[in-house]
């Protein structure tokens, strides 16, 4: 039967079989626009005729696979899907095999000329490589590997933007947390204490429901995140007392529908307390890493396991921040 386009929700799909073809297809055309959908069907038909005419000499599906076609069978996460929409107009008609690492690196500069190199990598390099390397798994197209931007490139781009990238985060501390909790509401104060003492991410924390609590055994079920499975985590006595005071709001223990609804009240609490604004992630996960490793001298292996890091190296490289380095070094080498 000839190809026919139809809608599933807002997205256009195609189904049918071209003349001379044996296989029947049903696939998303990845567009809300009917004109674009029909244009893509024309391209599918053109390739089918080419195969019918040239036979064995026709370019293979792997050779002719476009980036747009590769995204059809890539299950993108919401964040990556948003980045791909920005990338799409620049690259959708290119054949996967023609997309080079240099092209990908330069595309970041074109799409986001005043962004940091880290933004180019996260919003351009990573999504493109994910689509292409998934196509390798599905269709056998070539793999792609794009080298990281160098320190020189990062410095040059920072000079162009007039500001530094990778600004050092200030980790949370007991002193900061105590002042914050005086001005925070009961739910926000408990949330801050929970993230600081467990290393939990804010996205995980706001999803915790009443049924996840097991206060009798001083523990809580933390749902899967960042590739880590769900697991029970231990709670300190002060945390148990705080949680026992909370009543469920919006079906959630901490009462917030999403992490985005936390930032406004969080900033207000910092202003009222007259303390430096430290974002939830830095106050919590970075605070946990620095408190355990730097301030309390916990074994990095144990701290990494408790905080659910993939390895101690990740914890040490990113989340454990040095403090009072000069004083500590001088004291270490002072003879007594």
Protein backbone atom coordinates (compact mmCIF):
# COMPACT_ATOMS: atom_id res chain seq x y z
CA UNK A 1 0.00 0.00 0.00
CA UNK A 2 1.27 3.56 -0.62
CA UNK A 3 2.52 5.65 2.27
CA UNK A 4 -0.08 7.40 4.35
CA UNK A 5 0.51 10.06 6.98
CA UNK A 6 -1.62 10.36 10.10
CA UNK A 7 -1.53 11.93 13.54
CA UNK A 8 -0.83 10.44 16.94
CA UNK A 9 -1.60 13.22 19.35
CA UNK A 10 0.12 16.26 17.83
CA UNK A 11 2.86 14.30 16.03
CA UNK A 12 2.68 13.13 12.41
CA UNK A 13 3.42 9.48 11.61
CA UNK A 14 3.75 7.49 8.37
CA UNK A 15 2.76 3.93 7.51
CA UNK A 16 2.70 1.85 4.36
CA UNK A 17 4.96 0.25 1.77
CA UNK A 18 6.59 1.77 -1.30
CA UNK A 19 6.27 0.14 -4.74
CA UNK A 20 8.76 -2.70 -5.08
CA UNK A 21 9.55 -2.76 -1.37
CA UNK A 22 8.96 -5.81 0.78
CA UNK A 23 9.04 -4.16 4.20
CA UNK A 24 6.10 -2.31 5.71
CA UNK A 25 6.97 0.70 7.86
CA UNK A 26 5.28 2.52 10.69
CA UNK A 27 7.32 5.34 12.13
CA UNK A 28 7.11 8.80 13.66
CA UNK A 29 8.01 11.70 11.39
CA UNK A 30 9.05 13.70 14.48
CA UNK A 31 7.17 16.87 13.59
CA UNK A 32 3.96 18.71 14.42
CA UNK A 33 3.99 20.44 11.01
CA UNK A 34 2.04 18.69 8.22
CA UNK A 35 4.11 20.37 5.48
CA UNK A 36 7.34 19.08 7.03
CA UNK A 37 5.77 15.64 7.49
CA UNK A 38 4.80 15.39 3.81
CA UNK A 39 8.28 16.52 2.77
CA UNK A 40 9.81 13.74 4.82
CA UNK A 41 7.51 11.18 3.26
CA UNK A 42 8.61 12.37 -0.18
CA UNK A 43 12.22 11.74 0.88
CA UNK A 44 11.31 8.24 2.10
CA UNK A 45 9.65 7.51 -1.27
CA UNK A 46 12.65 8.91 -3.17
CA UNK A 47 15.00 6.55 -1.37
CA UNK A 48 12.65 3.64 -2.05
CA UNK A 49 12.63 4.41 -5.82
CA UNK A 50 16.41 4.70 -5.76
CA UNK A 51 16.69 1.25 -4.26
CA UNK A 52 14.21 -0.11 -6.82
CA UNK A 53 16.19 1.33 -9.75
CA UNK A 54 19.75 0.71 -8.62
CA UNK A 55 19.14 -2.58 -6.87
CA UNK A 56 22.34 -3.90 -5.25
CA UNK A 57 24.19 -0.72 -6.31
CA UNK A 58 21.85 1.53 -4.32
CA UNK A 59 23.35 3.19 -1.25
CA UNK A 60 22.59 1.19 1.86
CA UNK A 61 20.21 2.39 4.52
CA UNK A 62 23.18 2.78 6.82
CA UNK A 63 25.03 5.02 4.35
CA UNK A 64 21.99 7.20 3.72
CA UNK A 65 20.71 7.46 7.29
CA UNK A 66 20.16 11.12 8.20
CA UNK A 67 20.39 12.65 11.62
CA UNK A 68 16.63 13.26 11.53
CA UNK A 69 16.02 9.57 10.88
CA UNK A 70 18.47 8.60 13.62
CA UNK A 71 16.53 10.60 16.19
CA UNK A 72 13.38 8.58 15.40
CA UNK A 73 14.68 5.53 17.25
CA UNK A 74 16.54 7.48 19.97
CA UNK A 75 14.61 7.67 23.24
CA UNK A 76 15.65 11.14 24.38
CA UNK A 77 15.23 12.34 27.93
CA UNK A 78 13.21 15.58 28.26
CA UNK A 79 16.30 17.75 28.73
CA UNK A 80 18.07 16.22 25.71
CA UNK A 81 14.90 16.54 23.61
CA UNK A 82 14.84 20.27 24.35
CA UNK A 83 18.47 20.63 23.24
CA UNK A 84 17.86 18.55 20.10
CA UNK A 85 15.05 20.88 19.02
CA UNK A 86 17.60 23.70 18.89
CA UNK A 87 20.11 21.53 17.02
CA UNK A 88 17.59 20.02 14.57
CA UNK A 89 17.41 22.81 11.92
CA UNK A 90 21.19 22.83 11.54
CA UNK A 91 21.75 19.11 11.17
CA UNK A 92 18.54 17.17 10.42
CA UNK A 93 19.23 16.59 6.68
CA UNK A 94 22.90 15.64 7.14
CA UNK A 95 23.84 11.99 6.77
CA UNK A 96 25.07 10.53 10.03
CA UNK A 97 28.27 9.30 8.41
CA UNK A 98 29.07 12.86 7.26
CA UNK A 99 28.86 14.43 10.72
CA UNK A 100 32.42 14.92 11.94
CA UNK A 101 33.71 15.66 15.45
CA UNK A 102 34.97 19.06 14.28
CA UNK A 103 31.53 19.95 12.90
CA UNK A 104 29.92 19.03 16.22
CA UNK A 105 32.42 21.07 18.25
CA UNK A 106 32.00 24.11 15.98
CA UNK A 107 28.20 23.85 16.07
CA UNK A 108 28.19 24.78 19.75
CA UNK A 109 29.95 28.05 18.96
CA UNK A 110 27.41 28.80 16.23
CA UNK A 111 24.28 28.04 18.24
CA UNK A 112 25.42 29.54 21.54
CA UNK A 113 28.14 32.12 20.72
CA UNK A 114 28.15 33.66 24.21
CA UNK A 115 27.82 30.45 26.20
CA UNK A 116 30.56 28.64 28.10
CA UNK A 117 32.39 25.63 26.66
CA UNK A 118 30.66 23.43 29.23
CA UNK A 119 27.30 24.57 27.82
CA UNK A 120 28.43 23.67 24.30
CA UNK A 121 29.34 20.20 25.48
CA UNK A 122 26.18 19.57 27.48
CA UNK A 123 23.67 21.08 25.07
CA UNK A 124 25.24 20.26 21.70
CA UNK A 125 28.04 17.67 21.83
CA UNK A 126 26.41 15.24 24.27
CA UNK A 127 22.95 15.08 22.60
CA UNK A 128 24.38 14.71 19.08
CA UNK A 129 26.80 11.99 20.15
CA UNK A 130 24.01 10.19 21.99
CA UNK A 131 21.84 10.09 18.86
CA UNK A 132 24.68 9.02 16.57
CA UNK A 133 26.05 6.35 18.88
CA UNK A 134 22.56 5.00 19.44
CA UNK A 135 22.26 4.75 15.64
CA UNK A 136 25.48 2.73 15.69
CA UNK A 137 23.82 0.26 18.07
CA UNK A 138 20.59 0.15 16.04
CA UNK A 139 21.80 0.42 12.44
CA UNK A 140 25.56 -0.07 12.42
CA UNK A 141 26.47 3.50 11.44
CA UNK A 142 29.92 4.75 12.50
CA UNK A 143 30.53 5.74 16.10
CA UNK A 144 31.50 9.31 16.92
CA UNK A 145 33.80 10.57 19.65
CA UNK A 146 34.25 14.29 20.20
CA UNK A 147 37.23 15.46 22.24
CA UNK A 148 36.68 17.81 25.16
CA UNK A 149 37.27 21.53 24.87
CA UNK A 150 40.74 22.45 26.11
CA UNK A 151 41.59 24.76 29.00
CA UNK A 152 42.88 27.26 26.42
CA UNK A 153 39.56 27.18 24.53
CA UNK A 154 37.66 27.59 27.79
CA UNK A 155 39.81 30.55 28.84
CA UNK A 156 39.43 32.20 25.41
CA UNK A 157 35.65 31.81 25.51
CA UNK A 158 35.45 33.14 29.08
CA UNK A 159 37.39 36.23 27.99
CA UNK A 160 34.94 36.71 25.12
CA UNK A 161 31.96 36.37 27.47
CA UNK A 162 33.52 38.54 30.13
CA UNK A 163 32.91 36.04 32.92
CA UNK A 164 34.33 32.84 34.29
CA UNK A 165 32.85 29.40 33.77
CA UNK A 166 33.09 26.66 36.39
CA UNK A 167 32.78 29.12 39.25
CA UNK A 168 33.71 27.37 42.47
CA UNK A 169 30.68 26.42 44.56
CA UNK A 170 30.43 27.29 48.23
CA UNK A 171 29.42 24.08 50.05
CA UNK A 172 26.90 24.04 52.87
CA UNK A 173 28.03 23.79 56.49
CA UNK A 174 26.44 23.29 59.90
CA UNK A 175 26.93 26.97 60.71
CA UNK A 176 25.21 28.10 57.50
CA UNK A 177 22.46 25.50 57.85
CA UNK A 178 21.56 26.49 61.41
CA UNK A 179 21.11 30.13 60.40
CA UNK A 180 19.13 29.14 57.32
CA UNK A 181 16.74 26.91 59.29
CA UNK A 182 15.88 29.72 61.72
CA UNK A 183 14.26 31.68 58.87
CA UNK A 184 13.02 28.79 56.71
CA UNK A 185 9.56 27.29 57.11
CA UNK A 186 9.30 23.87 58.75
CA UNK A 187 9.24 21.97 55.44
CA UNK A 188 12.08 23.92 53.83
CA UNK A 189 14.25 23.62 56.93
CA UNK A 190 13.71 19.87 57.06
CA UNK A 191 14.50 19.58 53.34
CA UNK A 192 17.79 21.47 53.77
CA UNK A 193 18.79 19.27 56.72
CA UNK A 194 17.90 16.13 54.78
CA UNK A 195 20.01 17.00 51.74
CA UNK A 196 22.98 18.12 53.85
CA UNK A 197 23.05 14.98 55.99
CA UNK A 198 22.36 12.43 53.23
CA UNK A 199 23.82 13.97 50.06
CA UNK A 200 20.48 13.54 48.31
CA UNK A 201 19.76 15.61 45.22
CA UNK A 202 16.92 18.11 45.37
CA UNK A 203 15.08 16.39 42.49
CA UNK A 204 15.06 13.12 44.46
CA UNK A 205 14.20 14.77 47.74
CA UNK A 206 11.03 16.56 46.66
CA UNK A 207 9.62 13.28 45.28
CA UNK A 208 9.71 11.53 48.64
CA UNK A 209 6.23 10.44 49.76
CA UNK A 210 4.91 9.45 53.18
CA UNK A 211 5.00 5.75 52.25
CA UNK A 212 8.76 6.08 51.66
CA UNK A 213 9.37 6.78 55.36
CA UNK A 214 10.31 4.15 57.91
CA UNK A 215 10.99 6.32 60.95
CA UNK A 216 10.70 3.36 63.33
CA UNK A 217 13.89 1.98 61.76
CA UNK A 218 15.47 5.41 61.22
CA UNK A 219 15.53 5.11 57.46
CA UNK A 220 13.93 6.37 54.26
CA UNK A 221 13.49 4.92 50.76
CA UNK A 222 15.22 7.07 48.14
CA UNK A 223 14.00 6.57 44.60
CA UNK A 224 16.31 5.84 41.63
CA UNK A 225 18.29 8.76 40.17
CA UNK A 226 21.26 9.35 37.86
CA UNK A 227 21.61 5.66 37.09
CA UNK A 228 21.61 4.60 40.75
CA UNK A 229 18.93 2.16 41.94
CA UNK A 230 16.45 3.02 44.66
CA UNK A 231 17.72 2.23 48.15
CA UNK A 232 17.20 2.69 51.87
CA UNK A 233 19.28 5.43 53.48
CA UNK A 234 19.90 5.97 57.19
CA UNK A 235 18.70 9.11 58.99
CA UNK A 236 20.32 10.96 61.88
CA UNK A 237 18.20 11.45 65.05
CA UNK A 238 17.69 15.18 64.38
CA UNK A 239 16.30 14.34 60.95
CA UNK A 240 13.86 11.81 62.38
CA UNK A 241 12.51 14.43 64.80
CA UNK A 242 11.99 16.93 61.96
CA UNK A 243 10.25 14.42 59.71
CA UNK A 244 7.91 13.35 62.51
CA UNK A 245 6.65 16.95 62.71
CA UNK A 246 5.70 17.16 59.03
CA UNK A 247 2.27 16.39 57.62
CA UNK A 248 2.00 15.42 53.97
CA UNK A 249 1.40 18.31 51.52
CA UNK A 250 0.66 17.70 47.87
CA UNK A 251 1.28 14.01 48.58
CA UNK A 252 4.93 14.78 49.31
CA UNK A 253 6.83 14.66 52.61
CA UNK A 254 8.52 18.03 52.08
CA UNK A 255 5.43 19.60 50.51
CA UNK A 256 6.91 20.86 47.23
CA UNK A 257 5.49 19.79 43.88
CA UNK A 258 8.88 20.02 42.13
CA UNK A 259 12.40 21.28 42.69
CA UNK A 260 11.55 24.49 40.83
CA UNK A 261 9.11 25.54 43.57
CA UNK A 262 11.89 25.40 46.17
CA UNK A 263 14.20 28.12 44.80
CA UNK A 264 12.04 31.16 45.62
CA UNK A 265 11.45 30.31 49.30
CA UNK A 266 15.07 29.18 49.58
CA UNK A 267 16.39 32.55 48.42
CA UNK A 268 13.97 34.39 50.72
CA UNK A 269 15.19 32.39 53.73
CA UNK A 270 18.81 33.28 52.90
CA UNK A 271 17.94 36.99 52.66
CA UNK A 272 16.06 36.98 55.97
CA UNK A 273 18.90 35.14 57.69
CA UNK A 274 21.46 37.59 56.30
CA UNK A 275 23.62 34.76 54.97
CA UNK A 276 25.24 34.03 51.63
CA UNK A 277 22.89 32.51 49.08
CA UNK A 278 23.98 28.91 48.56
CA UNK A 279 21.83 27.01 46.07
CA UNK A 280 20.16 23.77 47.24
CA UNK A 281 22.54 21.47 45.35
CA UNK A 282 25.64 23.19 46.74
CA UNK A 283 24.18 23.43 50.25
CA UNK A 284 23.15 19.78 50.19
CA UNK A 285 25.23 17.45 48.05
CA UNK A 286 28.38 19.61 47.98
CA UNK A 287 27.92 20.29 51.69
CA UNK A 288 27.68 16.56 52.42
CA UNK A 289 30.84 15.84 50.41
CA UNK A 290 32.86 18.59 52.08
CA UNK A 291 31.55 17.92 55.59
CA UNK A 292 32.33 14.21 55.48
CA UNK A 293 35.68 14.28 53.68
CA UNK A 294 37.30 17.64 54.53
CA UNK A 295 35.84 18.58 57.91
CA UNK A 296 35.19 15.19 59.52
CA UNK A 297 37.88 13.09 57.80
CA UNK A 298 35.57 10.27 56.75
CA UNK A 299 37.15 7.62 54.51
CA UNK A 300 36.35 8.64 50.88
CA UNK A 301 35.19 5.10 50.06
CA UNK A 302 32.63 5.18 52.88
CA UNK A 303 31.51 8.72 52.10
CA UNK A 304 31.08 7.92 48.41
CA UNK A 305 28.99 4.86 49.23
CA UNK A 306 26.80 6.76 51.69
CA UNK A 307 26.29 9.63 49.24
CA UNK A 308 25.66 7.28 46.31
CA UNK A 309 28.53 8.46 44.13
CA UNK A 310 29.72 6.08 41.43
CA UNK A 311 33.27 6.24 42.80
CA UNK A 312 35.34 8.10 45.44
CA UNK A 313 37.10 9.91 42.61
CA UNK A 314 33.91 11.66 41.51
CA UNK A 315 33.31 12.76 45.09
CA UNK A 316 36.87 14.01 45.55
CA UNK A 317 37.11 15.76 42.18
CA UNK A 318 33.81 17.64 42.35
CA UNK A 319 32.09 17.65 45.73
CA UNK A 320 34.83 17.80 48.40
CA UNK A 321 35.99 21.43 48.55
CA UNK A 322 39.27 22.42 50.20
CA UNK A 323 39.07 24.82 53.14
CA UNK A 324 41.75 26.78 55.02
CA UNK A 325 44.38 25.12 52.86
CA UNK A 326 47.25 27.51 53.72
CA UNK A 327 46.73 27.22 57.47
CA UNK A 328 46.45 23.43 57.36
CA UNK A 329 49.65 23.03 55.33
CA UNK A 330 51.67 25.35 57.57
CA UNK A 331 50.44 23.55 60.69
CA UNK A 332 51.26 20.17 59.13
CA UNK A 333 54.90 21.13 58.62
CA UNK A 334 55.43 23.15 61.80
CA UNK A 335 57.83 21.40 64.19
CA UNK A 336 56.72 21.13 67.76
